[in-house]
Amino acid sequence: MAPMATHVITGAGSGIGAAVARRLHARGDELVLHARDAGRAKELASEFPGARTLVGDLADPAKLSWAFSHQTLPDRVDSLLHIAGVVDLGPVGDLTSKSWLHQLNVNLVAPAELTRHFLPQLRAARGHVVFVNSGAGLRASADWSAYAASKHGLKALADALRHEEHGNGVRVTSVYPGRTASPMQAKVHQQEGKEYDSSQWIDPESVATTILMALDLPADAEVNDLTVRPGR
């Protein structure tokens, strides 16, 4: 990745996204941090001095184009990092259409829409799109149907995009972390009725290390799929 590269990041407020943003910010790269609303954008701007923000609700991807039309998008994008996500567990017999649509919108449709918006800049920079997926994107377990479906779809999106944009020099990487210590993981444990101990799971910094490795590879190489599992 070239010095002073520009990265558009979703999910920079916590967990893996925050770890990635901190690392890129510390080395002096330009950050464009997505936020769901103006209040969250203000918090991110305070946490990452010098970073720009981009406001739009991932839960309502149909309105992202309108939201972006009222803001200034970066002229250059070296990487687009899809790290935001939501999870709501439950058996198929109990999950409502509202829960299904919320997870599909945030985890799948919004990344597709964001990618569409930034493809011209990514092509011009011969940039990189990173989809932070999940182990649930490779296999589905009981009570994980909606989340796993959204993540299986995200894998399909990444695979198709890779084939479509290879000739334009755009690299595409899917990262499949196992359970990672984060607010999302705490919520999962609560939904599972289990006690949460963050020390038992992957540190977000470890996942951030793998993401930066993929970003920083020379242009002659590309990591397509990267699985990260707890080492304990």
C-alpha atoms as a PDB file:
ATOM      1  CA  MET A   1       0.000   0.000   0.000  1.00  0.00           C
ATOM      2  CA  ALA A   2       1.423   3.372  -1.045  1.00  0.00           C
ATOM      3  CA  PRO A   3       2.284   5.991   1.616  1.00  0.00           C
ATOM      4  CA  MET A   4      -0.595   8.297   2.539  1.00  0.00           C
ATOM      5  CA  ALA A   5      -3.130   5.920   1.051  1.00  0.00           C
ATOM      6  CA  THR A   6      -6.814   6.757   1.515  1.00  0.00           C
ATOM      7  CA  HIS A   7      -9.040   4.167   3.198  1.00  0.00           C
ATOM      8  CA  VAL A   8     -12.831   4.188   3.489  1.00  0.00           C
ATOM      9  CA  ILE A   9     -13.796   2.157   6.571  1.00  0.00           C
ATOM     10  CA  THR A  10     -17.123   1.024   7.978  1.00  0.00           C
ATOM     11  CA  GLY A  11     -17.354  -0.168  11.567  1.00  0.00           C
ATOM     12  CA  ALA A  12     -14.455   1.957  12.834  1.00  0.00           C
ATOM     13  CA  GLY A  13     -16.188   2.652  16.132  1.00  0.00           C
ATOM     14  CA  SER A  14     -15.388  -0.644  17.845  1.00  0.00           C
ATOM     15  CA  GLY A  15     -13.843  -4.088  17.597  1.00  0.00           C
ATOM     16  CA  ILE A  16     -11.930  -5.032  14.460  1.00  0.00           C
ATOM     17  CA  GLY A  17     -12.859  -1.806  12.675  1.00  0.00           C
ATOM     18  CA  ALA A  18     -11.469   0.368  15.456  1.00  0.00           C
ATOM     19  CA  ALA A  19      -8.266  -1.683  15.582  1.00  0.00           C
ATOM     20  CA  VAL A  20      -7.742  -1.316  11.829  1.00  0.00           C
ATOM     21  CA  ALA A  21      -8.514   2.411  11.917  1.00  0.00           C
ATOM     22  CA  ARG A  22      -6.048   2.973  14.776  1.00  0.00           C
ATOM     23  CA  ARG A  23      -3.259   1.193  12.920  1.00  0.00           C
ATOM     24  CA  LEU A  24      -3.821   3.048   9.658  1.00  0.00           C
ATOM     25  CA  HIS A  25      -4.230   6.378  11.459  1.00  0.00           C
ATOM     26  CA  ALA A  26      -1.008   5.839  13.413  1.00  0.00           C
ATOM     27  CA  ARG A  27       1.014   5.352  10.255  1.00  0.00           C
ATOM     28  CA  GLY A  28      -0.336   8.536   8.711  1.00  0.00           C
ATOM     29  CA  ASP A  29      -2.783   7.249   6.133  1.00  0.00           C
ATOM     30  CA  GLU A  30      -5.903   9.204   5.215  1.00  0.00           C
ATOM     31  CA  LEU A  31      -9.121   7.859   6.730  1.00  0.00           C
ATOM     32  CA  VAL A  32     -12.709   8.308   5.593  1.00  0.00           C
ATOM     33  CA  LEU A  33     -14.815   6.809   8.375  1.00  0.00           C
ATOM     34  CA  HIS A  34     -18.398   5.828   7.795  1.00  0.00           C
ATOM     35  CA  ALA A  35     -20.902   6.710  10.519  1.00  0.00           C
ATOM     36  CA  ARG A  36     -24.601   5.931  10.781  1.00  0.00           C
ATOM     37  CA  ASP A  37     -25.503   9.480  11.885  1.00  0.00           C
ATOM     38  CA  ALA A  38     -24.027  12.920  12.577  1.00  0.00           C
ATOM     39  CA  GLY A  39     -23.553  12.225  16.289  1.00  0.00           C
ATOM     40  CA  ARG A  40     -21.505   9.121  15.617  1.00  0.00           C
ATOM     41  CA  ALA A  41     -19.519  10.975  12.951  1.00  0.00           C
ATOM     42  CA  LYS A  42     -18.579  13.613  15.530  1.00  0.00           C
ATOM     43  CA  GLU A  43     -17.361  10.912  17.934  1.00  0.00           C
ATOM     44  CA  LEU A  44     -15.212   9.278  15.239  1.00  0.00           C
ATOM     45  CA  ALA A  45     -13.740  12.626  14.159  1.00  0.00           C
ATOM     46  CA  SER A  46     -12.750  13.289  17.764  1.00  0.00           C
ATOM     47  CA  GLU A  47     -11.197   9.842  18.180  1.00  0.00           C
ATOM     48  CA  PHE A  48      -9.258  10.036  14.892  1.00  0.00           C
ATOM     49  CA  PRO A  49      -8.033  13.635  14.441  1.00  0.00           C
ATOM     50  CA  GLY A  50      -7.736  14.591  10.799  1.00  0.00           C
ATOM     51  CA  ALA A  51     -10.027  11.835   9.568  1.00  0.00           C
ATOM     52  CA  ARG A  52     -12.972  12.645   7.358  1.00  0.00           C
ATOM     53  CA  THR A  53     -16.404  11.163   7.979  1.00  0.00           C
ATOM     54  CA  LEU A  54     -19.169   9.936   5.719  1.00  0.00           C
ATOM     55  CA  VAL A  55     -22.699   9.649   7.090  1.00  0.00           C
ATOM     56  CA  GLY A  56     -25.291   7.131   5.937  1.00  0.00           C
ATOM     57  CA  ASP A  57     -27.442   4.437   7.521  1.00  0.00           C
ATOM     58  CA  LEU A  58     -26.314   0.966   6.432  1.00  0.00           C
ATOM     59  CA  ALA A  59     -29.629  -0.399   7.660  1.00  0.00           C
ATOM     60  CA  ASP A  60     -31.328   1.577   4.863  1.00  0.00           C
ATOM     61  CA  PRO A  61     -29.065   1.033   1.844  1.00  0.00           C
ATOM     62  CA  ALA A  62     -31.652   2.394  -0.590  1.00  0.00           C
ATOM     63  CA  LYS A  63     -31.036   5.854   0.884  1.00  0.00           C
ATOM     64  CA  LEU A  64     -27.235   5.759   0.843  1.00  0.00           C
ATOM     65  CA  SER A  65     -27.046   7.266  -2.637  1.00  0.00           C
ATOM     66  CA  TRP A  66     -29.189  10.199  -1.520  1.00  0.00           C
ATOM     67  CA  ALA A  67     -27.128  10.654   1.651  1.00  0.00           C
ATOM     68  CA  PHE A  68     -23.848  10.632  -0.255  1.00  0.00           C
ATOM     69  CA  SER A  69     -25.143  13.120  -2.823  1.00  0.00           C
ATOM     70  CA  HIS A  70     -25.202  15.710  -0.019  1.00  0.00           C
ATOM     71  CA  GLN A  71     -21.604  15.047   1.038  1.00  0.00           C
ATOM     72  CA  THR A  72     -18.163  15.220  -0.527  1.00  0.00           C
ATOM     73  CA  LEU A  73     -16.801  11.816  -1.458  1.00  0.00           C
ATOM     74  CA  PRO A  74     -13.037  11.267  -1.613  1.00  0.00           C
ATOM     75  CA  ASP A  75     -11.452  11.672  -5.038  1.00  0.00           C
ATOM     76  CA  ARG A  76      -9.089   8.777  -4.364  1.00  0.00           C
ATOM     77  CA  VAL A  77      -9.799   5.477  -2.621  1.00  0.00           C
ATOM     78  CA  ASP A  78      -6.960   2.995  -2.151  1.00  0.00           C
ATOM     79  CA  SER A  79      -9.001   0.632  -0.032  1.00  0.00           C
ATOM     80  CA  LEU A  80     -12.605   0.109   0.933  1.00  0.00           C
ATOM     81  CA  LEU A  81     -12.861  -1.866   4.162  1.00  0.00           C
ATOM     82  CA  HIS A  82     -16.264  -3.377   4.952  1.00  0.00           C
ATOM     83  CA  ILE A  83     -16.039  -4.151   8.674  1.00  0.00           C
ATOM     84  CA  ALA A  84     -19.406  -3.062  10.109  1.00  0.00           C
ATOM     85  CA  GLY A  85     -21.900  -5.794  10.891  1.00  0.00           C
ATOM     86  CA  VAL A  86     -24.906  -6.768  12.995  1.00  0.00           C
ATOM     87  CA  VAL A  87     -26.093 -10.090  14.407  1.00  0.00           C
ATOM     88  CA  ASP A  88     -29.413 -11.305  15.765  1.00  0.00           C
ATOM     89  CA  LEU A  89     -29.597 -14.996  16.665  1.00  0.00           C
ATOM     90  CA  GLY A  90     -32.671 -17.183  16.772  1.00  0.00           C
ATOM     91  CA  PRO A  91     -34.235 -20.264  15.204  1.00  0.00           C
ATOM     92  CA  VAL A  92     -35.844 -19.936  11.792  1.00  0.00           C
ATOM     93  CA  GLY A  93     -39.220 -20.474  13.404  1.00  0.00           C
ATOM     94  CA  ASP A  94     -38.807 -17.367  15.555  1.00  0.00           C
ATOM     95  CA  LEU A  95     -36.868 -14.860  13.448  1.00  0.00           C
ATOM     96  CA  THR A  96     -39.089 -12.141  11.981  1.00  0.00           C
ATOM     97  CA  SER A  97     -38.785 -10.618   8.534  1.00  0.00           C
ATOM     98  CA  LYS A  98     -37.632  -7.409  10.248  1.00  0.00           C
ATOM     99  CA  SER A  99     -34.647  -9.243  11.758  1.00  0.00           C
ATOM    100  CA  TRP A 100     -33.832 -10.912   8.445  1.00  0.00           C
ATOM    101  CA  LEU A 101     -33.983  -7.652   6.505  1.00  0.00           C
ATOM    102  CA  HIS A 102     -31.912  -5.733   9.055  1.00  0.00           C
ATOM    103  CA  GLN A 103     -29.071  -8.249   8.929  1.00  0.00           C
ATOM    104  CA  LEU A 104     -29.207  -8.641   5.158  1.00  0.00           C
ATOM    105  CA  ASN A 105     -29.241  -4.861   4.647  1.00  0.00           C
ATOM    106  CA  VAL A 106     -26.337  -4.048   6.957  1.00  0.00           C
ATOM    107  CA  ASN A 107     -24.195  -7.109   6.272  1.00  0.00           C
ATOM    108  CA  LEU A 108     -24.759  -7.573   2.535  1.00  0.00           C
ATOM    109  CA  VAL A 109     -26.794  -5.016   0.602  1.00  0.00           C
ATOM    110  CA  ALA A 110     -25.068  -1.959   2.087  1.00  0.00           C
ATOM    111  CA  PRO A 111     -21.556  -3.293   1.306  1.00  0.00           C
ATOM    112  CA  ALA A 112     -22.678  -3.899  -2.285  1.00  0.00           C
ATOM    113  CA  GLU A 113     -24.067  -0.359  -2.513  1.00  0.00           C
ATOM    114  CA  LEU A 114     -20.959   1.218  -0.975  1.00  0.00           C
ATOM    115  CA  THR A 115     -18.760  -0.748  -3.353  1.00  0.00           C
ATOM    116  CA  ARG A 116     -20.805   0.446  -6.312  1.00  0.00           C
ATOM    117  CA  HIS A 117     -20.333   4.056  -5.243  1.00  0.00           C
ATOM    118  CA  PHE A 118     -16.573   3.798  -4.806  1.00  0.00           C
ATOM    119  CA  LEU A 119     -15.663   1.540  -7.739  1.00  0.00           C
ATOM    120  CA  PRO A 120     -14.600   4.427 -10.010  1.00  0.00           C
ATOM    121  CA  GLN A 121     -12.096   5.662  -7.415  1.00  0.00           C
ATOM    122  CA  LEU A 122     -10.931   2.118  -6.654  1.00  0.00           C
ATOM    123  CA  ARG A 123     -10.356   1.405 -10.346  1.00  0.00           C
ATOM    124  CA  ALA A 124      -8.412   4.628 -10.805  1.00  0.00           C
ATOM    125  CA  ALA A 125      -6.177   3.810  -7.806  1.00  0.00           C
ATOM    126  CA  ARG A 126      -6.003   0.067  -8.611  1.00  0.00           C
ATOM    127  CA  GLY A 127      -7.231  -0.287  -5.061  1.00  0.00           C
ATOM    128  CA  HIS A 128      -8.366  -3.005  -2.702  1.00  0.00           C
ATOM    129  CA  VAL A 129     -11.761  -4.053  -1.335  1.00  0.00           C
ATOM    130  CA  VAL A 130     -11.730  -6.001   1.939  1.00  0.00           C
ATOM    131  CA  PHE A 131     -14.828  -7.771   3.219  1.00  0.00           C
ATOM    132  CA  VAL A 132     -14.591  -8.776   6.869  1.00  0.00           C
ATOM    133  CA  ASN A 133     -16.816 -11.826   6.794  1.00  0.00           C
ATOM    134  CA  SER A 134     -17.166 -14.494   9.505  1.00  0.00           C
ATOM    135  CA  GLY A 135     -16.807 -18.194  10.080  1.00  0.00           C
ATOM    136  CA  ALA A 136     -20.596 -18.119   9.638  1.00  0.00           C
ATOM    137  CA  GLY A 137     -19.956 -17.123   6.031  1.00  0.00           C
ATOM    138  CA  LEU A 138     -18.530 -20.598   5.420  1.00  0.00           C
ATOM    139  CA  ARG A 139     -20.967 -22.715   7.425  1.00  0.00           C
ATOM    140  CA  ALA A 140     -24.273 -22.216   9.216  1.00  0.00           C
ATOM    141  CA  SER A 141     -25.201 -23.492  12.658  1.00  0.00           C
ATOM    142  CA  ALA A 142     -28.521 -23.687  14.478  1.00  0.00           C
ATOM    143  CA  ASP A 143     -29.883 -20.238  15.416  1.00  0.00           C
ATOM    144  CA  TRP A 144     -27.498 -18.505  13.005  1.00  0.00           C
ATOM    145  CA  SER A 145     -29.593 -18.683   9.818  1.00  0.00           C
ATOM    146  CA  ALA A 146     -30.116 -14.986   9.049  1.00  0.00           C
ATOM    147  CA  TYR A 147     -26.618 -13.886   9.990  1.00  0.00           C
ATOM    148  CA  ALA A 148     -25.029 -16.812   8.151  1.00  0.00           C
ATOM    149  CA  ALA A 149     -27.169 -16.159   5.084  1.00  0.00           C
ATOM    150  CA  SER A 150     -26.011 -12.548   5.006  1.00  0.00           C
ATOM    151  CA  LYS A 151     -22.389 -13.632   5.325  1.00  0.00           C
ATOM    152  CA  HIS A 152     -22.701 -16.413   2.731  1.00  0.00           C
ATOM    153  CA  GLY A 153     -24.082 -13.718   0.454  1.00  0.00           C
ATOM    154  CA  LEU A 154     -21.133 -11.476   1.290  1.00  0.00           C
ATOM    155  CA  LYS A 155     -18.763 -14.235   0.157  1.00  0.00           C
ATOM    156  CA  ALA A 156     -20.660 -14.464  -3.128  1.00  0.00           C
ATOM    157  CA  LEU A 157     -20.445 -10.683  -3.541  1.00  0.00           C
ATOM    158  CA  ALA A 158     -16.689 -10.727  -2.954  1.00  0.00           C
ATOM    159  CA  ASP A 159     -16.085 -13.650  -5.300  1.00  0.00           C
ATOM    160  CA  ALA A 160     -18.111 -12.095  -8.114  1.00  0.00           C
ATOM    161  CA  LEU A 161     -16.481  -8.680  -7.621  1.00  0.00           C
ATOM    162  CA  ARG A 162     -13.019 -10.269  -7.753  1.00  0.00           C
ATOM    163  CA  HIS A 163     -13.743 -11.819 -11.142  1.00  0.00           C
ATOM    164  CA  GLU A 164     -15.351  -8.648 -12.476  1.00  0.00           C
ATOM    165  CA  GLU A 165     -12.629  -6.225 -11.382  1.00  0.00           C
ATOM    166  CA  HIS A 166      -9.449  -8.288 -11.766  1.00  0.00           C
ATOM    167  CA  GLY A 167      -8.812  -6.760 -15.178  1.00  0.00           C
ATOM    168  CA  ASN A 168      -9.121  -3.285 -13.654  1.00  0.00           C
ATOM    169  CA  GLY A 169      -6.422  -4.036 -11.101  1.00  0.00           C
ATOM    170  CA  VAL A 170      -8.801  -4.010  -8.121  1.00  0.00           C
ATOM    171  CA  ARG A 171      -7.910  -6.625  -5.504  1.00  0.00           C
ATOM    172  CA  VAL A 172     -10.620  -8.258  -3.395  1.00  0.00           C
ATOM    173  CA  THR A 173     -10.049 -10.048  -0.089  1.00  0.00           C
ATOM    174  CA  SER A 174     -12.474 -11.842   2.211  1.00  0.00           C
ATOM    175  CA  VAL A 175     -11.404 -12.289   5.828  1.00  0.00           C
ATOM    176  CA  TYR A 176     -13.154 -14.913   7.944  1.00  0.00           C
ATOM    177  CA  PRO A 177     -12.415 -14.279  11.638  1.00  0.00           C
ATOM    178  CA  GLY A 178     -13.448 -16.747  14.279  1.00  0.00           C
ATOM    179  CA  ARG A 179     -14.971 -15.407  17.476  1.00  0.00           C
ATOM    180  CA  THR A 180     -13.280 -12.108  18.249  1.00  0.00           C
ATOM    181  CA  ALA A 181     -13.400 -10.126  21.497  1.00  0.00           C
ATOM    182  CA  SER A 182     -15.747  -7.238  20.719  1.00  0.00           C
ATOM    183  CA  PRO A 183     -19.088  -5.694  21.686  1.00  0.00           C
ATOM    184  CA  MET A 184     -20.700  -7.885  19.021  1.00  0.00           C
ATOM    185  CA  GLN A 185     -19.263 -11.002  20.632  1.00  0.00           C
ATOM    186  CA  ALA A 186     -20.561  -9.891  24.018  1.00  0.00           C
ATOM    187  CA  LYS A 187     -24.021  -9.548  22.458  1.00  0.00           C
ATOM    188  CA  VAL A 188     -23.752 -13.015  20.895  1.00  0.00           C
ATOM    189  CA  HIS A 189     -22.909 -14.542  24.265  1.00  0.00           C
ATOM    190  CA  GLN A 190     -25.846 -12.742  25.842  1.00  0.00           C
ATOM    191  CA  GLN A 191     -28.162 -14.108  23.168  1.00  0.00           C
ATOM    192  CA  GLU A 192     -26.717 -17.581  23.685  1.00  0.00           C
ATOM    193  CA  GLY A 193     -27.171 -17.299  27.434  1.00  0.00           C
ATOM    194  CA  LYS A 194     -23.451 -17.824  28.036  1.00  0.00           C
ATOM    195  CA  GLU A 195     -20.927 -16.005  30.202  1.00  0.00           C
ATOM    196  CA  TYR A 196     -18.599 -13.802  28.161  1.00  0.00           C
ATOM    197  CA  ASP A 197     -14.846 -13.841  28.786  1.00  0.00           C
ATOM    198  CA  SER A 198     -13.013 -11.694  26.256  1.00  0.00           C
ATOM    199  CA  SER A 199      -9.677 -13.366  27.050  1.00  0.00           C
ATOM    200  CA  GLN A 200     -10.924 -16.583  25.428  1.00  0.00           C
ATOM    201  CA  TRP A 201     -11.312 -15.064  21.977  1.00  0.00           C
ATOM    202  CA  ILE A 202      -9.182 -13.450  19.266  1.00  0.00           C
ATOM    203  CA  ASP A 203      -7.903  -9.964  20.032  1.00  0.00           C
ATOM    204  CA  PRO A 204      -9.178  -7.497  17.384  1.00  0.00           C
ATOM    205  CA  GLU A 205      -5.583  -6.314  16.960  1.00  0.00           C
ATOM    206  CA  SER A 206      -4.657  -9.782  15.691  1.00  0.00           C
ATOM    207  CA  VAL A 207      -7.334  -9.635  13.005  1.00  0.00           C
ATOM    208  CA  ALA A 208      -6.212  -6.106  12.136  1.00  0.00           C
ATOM    209  CA  THR A 209      -2.690  -7.456  11.598  1.00  0.00           C
ATOM    210  CA  THR A 210      -3.960  -9.937   9.020  1.00  0.00           C
ATOM    211  CA  ILE A 211      -5.986  -7.254   7.230  1.00  0.00           C
ATOM    212  CA  LEU A 212      -2.993  -4.920   6.994  1.00  0.00           C
ATOM    213  CA  MET A 213      -0.873  -7.795   5.699  1.00  0.00           C
ATOM    214  CA  ALA A 214      -3.332  -8.268   2.834  1.00  0.00           C
ATOM    215  CA  LEU A 215      -3.456  -4.518   2.144  1.00  0.00           C
ATOM    216  CA  ASP A 216       0.298  -4.109   2.153  1.00  0.00           C
ATOM    217  CA  LEU A 217       1.168  -6.929  -0.225  1.00  0.00           C
ATOM    218  CA  PRO A 218       2.927  -5.763  -3.395  1.00  0.00           C
ATOM    219  CA  ALA A 219       0.674  -5.340  -6.416  1.00  0.00           C
ATOM    220  CA  ASP A 220       1.859  -8.627  -7.920  1.00  0.00           C
ATOM    221  CA  ALA A 221       0.055 -10.653  -5.225  1.00  0.00           C
ATOM    222  CA  GLU A 222      -3.472 -10.888  -3.856  1.00  0.00           C
ATOM    223  CA  VAL A 223      -4.934 -12.684  -0.853  1.00  0.00           C
ATOM    224  CA  ASN A 224      -8.368 -13.943  -1.866  1.00  0.00           C
ATOM    225  CA  ASP A 225      -9.574 -15.642   1.323  1.00  0.00           C
ATOM    226  CA  LEU A 226      -8.065 -15.446   4.789  1.00  0.00           C
ATOM    227  CA  THR A 227      -9.344 -17.485   7.744  1.00  0.00           C
ATOM    228  CA  VAL A 228      -8.379 -16.463  11.302  1.00  0.00           C
ATOM    229  CA  ARG A 229      -9.177 -18.748  14.223  1.00  0.00           C
ATOM    230  CA  PRO A 230      -8.644 -18.484  18.003  1.00  0.00           C
ATOM    231  CA  GLY A 231      -5.186 -19.737  18.955  1.00  0.00           C
ATOM    232  CA  ARG A 232      -6.137 -20.794  22.467  1.00  0.00           C
END
